[in-house]
C-alpha atoms as a PDB file:
ATOM      1  CA  MET A   1      11.510  11.579   6.005  1.00  0.00           C
ATOM      2  CA  VAL A   2       9.036  14.368   5.338  1.00  0.00           C
ATOM      3  CA  ASN A   3       8.468  15.479   1.776  1.00  0.00           C
ATOM      4  CA  LYS A   4       8.938  19.150   2.607  1.00  0.00           C
ATOM      5  CA  HIS A   5       7.976  20.429  -0.831  1.00  0.00           C
ATOM      6  CA  LEU A   6       4.697  18.543  -0.784  1.00  0.00           C
ATOM      7  CA  LEU A   7       3.897  19.591   2.779  1.00  0.00           C
ATOM      8  CA  ARG A   8       4.599  23.227   1.913  1.00  0.00           C
ATOM      9  CA  TYR A   9       2.312  22.809  -1.121  1.00  0.00           C
ATOM     10  CA  TYR A  10      -0.543  21.602   1.108  1.00  0.00           C
ATOM     11  CA  ILE A  11       0.039  24.444   3.561  1.00  0.00           C
ATOM     12  CA  ALA A  12      -0.093  27.048   0.786  1.00  0.00           C
ATOM     13  CA  SER A  13      -2.953  25.462  -1.179  1.00  0.00           C
ATOM     14  CA  ASN A  14      -5.084  25.575   1.968  1.00  0.00           C
ATOM     15  CA  ASN A  15      -4.341  29.286   2.448  1.00  0.00           C
ATOM     16  CA  ASP A  16      -2.488  28.433   5.624  1.00  0.00           C
ATOM     17  CA  THR A  17       0.766  29.753   7.026  1.00  0.00           C
ATOM     18  CA  THR A  18       3.493  28.043   8.991  1.00  0.00           C
ATOM     19  CA  GLU A  19       2.548  30.300  11.890  1.00  0.00           C
ATOM     20  CA  GLN A  20      -1.007  28.964  11.869  1.00  0.00           C
ATOM     21  CA  LEU A  21       0.176  25.377  11.571  1.00  0.00           C
ATOM     22  CA  ALA A  22       2.673  25.820  14.408  1.00  0.00           C
ATOM     23  CA  GLU A  23      -0.115  27.235  16.563  1.00  0.00           C
ATOM     24  CA  LEU A  24      -2.332  24.237  15.770  1.00  0.00           C
ATOM     25  CA  LEU A  25       0.500  21.901  16.799  1.00  0.00           C
ATOM     26  CA  SER A  26       1.301  23.976  19.910  1.00  0.00           C
ATOM     27  CA  ILE A  27       4.939  24.349  18.886  1.00  0.00           C
ATOM     28  CA  SER A  28       7.093  27.298  17.888  1.00  0.00           C
ATOM     29  CA  ARG A  29       7.517  28.320  14.288  1.00  0.00           C
ATOM     30  CA  SER A  30      11.215  27.447  14.490  1.00  0.00           C
ATOM     31  CA  SER A  31      10.365  23.939  15.754  1.00  0.00           C
ATOM     32  CA  LEU A  32       7.941  23.493  12.875  1.00  0.00           C
ATOM     33  CA  SER A  33      10.580  24.666  10.425  1.00  0.00           C
ATOM     34  CA  ALA A  34      13.072  22.142  11.817  1.00  0.00           C
ATOM     35  CA  LYS A  35      10.499  19.382  11.419  1.00  0.00           C
ATOM     36  CA  ILE A  36       9.539  20.380   7.884  1.00  0.00           C
ATOM     37  CA  ASN A  37      13.236  20.483   6.955  1.00  0.00           C
ATOM     38  CA  ASN A  38      13.861  17.016   8.426  1.00  0.00           C
ATOM     39  CA  LYS A  39      16.109  18.225  11.239  1.00  0.00           C
ATOM     40  CA  ARG A  40      13.618  16.946  13.833  1.00  0.00           C
ATOM     41  CA  ASP A  41      10.843  14.384  13.608  1.00  0.00           C
ATOM     42  CA  PHE A  42       7.123  15.043  13.772  1.00  0.00           C
ATOM     43  CA  THR A  43       5.369  13.159  16.539  1.00  0.00           C
ATOM     44  CA  ILE A  44       2.577  10.815  15.552  1.00  0.00           C
ATOM     45  CA  ARG A  45       0.095  13.199  17.173  1.00  0.00           C
ATOM     46  CA  GLU A  46       1.469  16.148  15.139  1.00  0.00           C
ATOM     47  CA  ALA A  47       1.331  14.168  11.898  1.00  0.00           C
ATOM     48  CA  ALA A  48      -2.250  13.142  12.679  1.00  0.00           C
ATOM     49  CA  LYS A  49      -3.261  16.765  13.346  1.00  0.00           C
ATOM     50  CA  ILE A  50      -1.727  17.861  10.038  1.00  0.00           C
ATOM     51  CA  ALA A  51      -3.436  15.020   8.181  1.00  0.00           C
ATOM     52  CA  ASP A  52      -6.757  15.945   9.761  1.00  0.00           C
ATOM     53  CA  ARG A  53      -6.355  19.656   8.988  1.00  0.00           C
ATOM     54  CA  TYR A  54      -5.576  19.024   5.310  1.00  0.00           C
ATOM     55  CA  LYS A  55      -7.880  15.991   5.009  1.00  0.00           C
ATOM     56  CA  PHE A  56      -5.149  13.627   3.805  1.00  0.00           C
ATOM     57  CA  ASN A  57      -6.155  10.212   2.603  1.00  0.00           C
ATOM     58  CA  HIS A  58      -3.834   7.295   3.358  1.00  0.00           C
ATOM     59  CA  ALA A  59      -1.776   7.728   0.174  1.00  0.00           C
ATOM     60  CA  GLN A  60      -1.298  11.458   0.794  1.00  0.00           C
ATOM     61  CA  PHE A  61      -0.253  10.799   4.393  1.00  0.00           C
ATOM     62  CA  VAL A  62       2.375   8.281   3.275  1.00  0.00           C
ATOM     63  CA  GLU A  63       3.582  10.551   0.484  1.00  0.00           C
ATOM     64  CA  VAL A  64       4.024  13.530   2.828  1.00  0.00           C
ATOM     65  CA  PHE A  65       5.343  11.864   5.958  1.00  0.00           C
ATOM     66  CA  CYS A  66       7.282   8.968   4.490  1.00  0.00           C
ATOM     67  CA  GLY A  67       8.286  10.386   1.138  1.00  0.00           C
ATOM     68  CA  GLY A  68       7.885   6.832  -0.142  1.00  0.00           C
ATOM     69  CA  ASP A  69      10.584   5.664   2.289  1.00  0.00           C
ATOM     70  CA  CYS A  70       8.154   3.824   4.562  1.00  0.00           C
ATOM     71  CA  LEU A  71       6.979   1.535   1.808  1.00  0.00           C
ATOM     72  CA  GLU A  72      10.471   0.976   0.438  1.00  0.00           C
ATOM     73  CA  ASN A  73      11.847   0.086   3.878  1.00  0.00           C
ATOM     74  CA  ARG A  74       9.007  -2.362   4.501  1.00  0.00           C
ATOM     75  CA  ARG A  75       9.567  -4.095   1.150  1.00  0.00           C
ATOM     76  CA  SER A  76      13.301  -4.537   1.764  1.00  0.00           C
ATOM     77  CA  SER A  77      12.759  -6.065   5.230  1.00  0.00           C
END
């Protein structure tokens, strides 16, 4: 699950817009909105492009794209 508030923070703090990010990902703005709002999933390639654009380290990537859920699910398995 995407941490939409944190992703929106990174978009804004990098003086970016959702239009620019959608263009980078080669998707429509409405598709990006659905992905940010957890109605659709980001592809691995899209997540990697976002991480590269905003220079995420591993912890930031996990925090944005897993919302902590990835680590919790792995621990409970």
